[in-house]
Amino acid sequence: MLAKRKMQSKELAEQLGITPANLSILKTGKAKGIRFDTLEAICKVLNCQPGDVLEYIAE
């Protein structure tokens, strides 16, 4: 979604009010969870739906 919006991770992190390091953890799938308000903010900034940025992978 970042590439589609021609946005860099640093810019997204700034707009979300989170550190680039925390955004990196989300992007790489290393996060154990995500707060709904963070997910909502990502979707607002990127103008997308949660399914556009989330993927379920069975362990």
C-alpha atoms as a PDB file:
ATOM      1  CA  MET A   1       0.000   0.000   0.000  1.00  0.00           C
ATOM      2  CA  LEU A   2       2.912   2.349   0.657  1.00  0.00           C
ATOM      3  CA  ALA A   3       4.178   1.903  -2.895  1.00  0.00           C
ATOM      4  CA  LYS A   4       0.688   2.443  -4.328  1.00  0.00           C
ATOM      5  CA  ARG A   5       0.424   5.701  -2.375  1.00  0.00           C
ATOM      6  CA  LYS A   6       4.001   6.696  -3.285  1.00  0.00           C
ATOM      7  CA  MET A   7       4.769   7.127   0.399  1.00  0.00           C
ATOM      8  CA  GLN A   8       7.873   6.237   2.367  1.00  0.00           C
ATOM      9  CA  SER A   9       7.749   4.377   5.672  1.00  0.00           C
ATOM     10  CA  LYS A  10       9.238   7.365   7.472  1.00  0.00           C
ATOM     11  CA  GLU A  11       6.405   9.612   6.259  1.00  0.00           C
ATOM     12  CA  LEU A  12       3.765   7.063   7.305  1.00  0.00           C
ATOM     13  CA  ALA A  13       5.353   6.698  10.753  1.00  0.00           C
ATOM     14  CA  GLU A  14       5.323  10.482  11.202  1.00  0.00           C
ATOM     15  CA  GLN A  15       1.656  10.729  10.228  1.00  0.00           C
ATOM     16  CA  LEU A  16       0.767   7.862  12.579  1.00  0.00           C
ATOM     17  CA  GLY A  17       2.784   9.260  15.460  1.00  0.00           C
ATOM     18  CA  ILE A  18       4.854   6.087  15.889  1.00  0.00           C
ATOM     19  CA  THR A  19       8.570   5.477  15.499  1.00  0.00           C
ATOM     20  CA  PRO A  20       9.962   4.115  12.232  1.00  0.00           C
ATOM     21  CA  ALA A  21      11.288   1.162  14.269  1.00  0.00           C
ATOM     22  CA  ASN A  22       7.771   0.267  15.468  1.00  0.00           C
ATOM     23  CA  LEU A  23       6.420   0.602  11.932  1.00  0.00           C
ATOM     24  CA  SER A  24       9.190  -1.709  10.730  1.00  0.00           C
ATOM     25  CA  ILE A  25       8.124  -4.324  13.280  1.00  0.00           C
ATOM     26  CA  LEU A  26       4.576  -4.135  11.926  1.00  0.00           C
ATOM     27  CA  LYS A  27       5.729  -4.300   8.306  1.00  0.00           C
ATOM     28  CA  THR A  28       7.949  -7.348   8.833  1.00  0.00           C
ATOM     29  CA  GLY A  29       5.252  -9.302  10.652  1.00  0.00           C
ATOM     30  CA  LYS A  30       7.262  -9.520  13.866  1.00  0.00           C
ATOM     31  CA  ALA A  31       4.591  -7.764  15.950  1.00  0.00           C
ATOM     32  CA  LYS A  32       2.592  -9.982  18.280  1.00  0.00           C
ATOM     33  CA  GLY A  33      -0.470  -7.784  17.757  1.00  0.00           C
ATOM     34  CA  ILE A  34      -1.730  -4.414  16.657  1.00  0.00           C
ATOM     35  CA  ARG A  35      -4.054  -2.006  18.417  1.00  0.00           C
ATOM     36  CA  PHE A  36      -7.286  -1.266  16.595  1.00  0.00           C
ATOM     37  CA  ASP A  37      -6.669   2.475  16.799  1.00  0.00           C
ATOM     38  CA  THR A  38      -3.272   1.989  15.127  1.00  0.00           C
ATOM     39  CA  LEU A  39      -4.861  -0.139  12.406  1.00  0.00           C
ATOM     40  CA  GLU A  40      -7.561   2.483  11.944  1.00  0.00           C
ATOM     41  CA  ALA A  41      -4.954   5.239  11.632  1.00  0.00           C
ATOM     42  CA  ILE A  42      -2.995   3.231   9.040  1.00  0.00           C
ATOM     43  CA  CYS A  43      -6.154   2.689   7.007  1.00  0.00           C
ATOM     44  CA  LYS A  44      -7.078   6.382   7.207  1.00  0.00           C
ATOM     45  CA  VAL A  45      -3.636   7.574   6.083  1.00  0.00           C
ATOM     46  CA  LEU A  46      -3.369   4.986   3.283  1.00  0.00           C
ATOM     47  CA  ASN A  47      -7.064   5.222   2.346  1.00  0.00           C
ATOM     48  CA  CYS A  48      -7.499   1.451   2.454  1.00  0.00           C
ATOM     49  CA  GLN A  49      -9.277  -1.377   4.280  1.00  0.00           C
ATOM     50  CA  PRO A  50      -7.711  -3.559   7.025  1.00  0.00           C
ATOM     51  CA  GLY A  51      -7.616  -6.528   4.641  1.00  0.00           C
ATOM     52  CA  ASP A  52      -5.366  -4.515   2.335  1.00  0.00           C
ATOM     53  CA  VAL A  53      -2.621  -4.379   4.982  1.00  0.00           C
ATOM     54  CA  LEU A  54      -3.182  -7.588   6.989  1.00  0.00           C
ATOM     55  CA  GLU A  55      -2.539 -11.178   6.012  1.00  0.00           C
ATOM     56  CA  TYR A  56      -3.327 -14.317   8.027  1.00  0.00           C
ATOM     57  CA  ILE A  57      -0.572 -16.929   8.078  1.00  0.00           C
ATOM     58  CA  ALA A  58      -1.211 -20.149  10.003  1.00  0.00           C
ATOM     59  CA  GLU A  59       1.618 -21.098  12.353  1.00  0.00           C
END
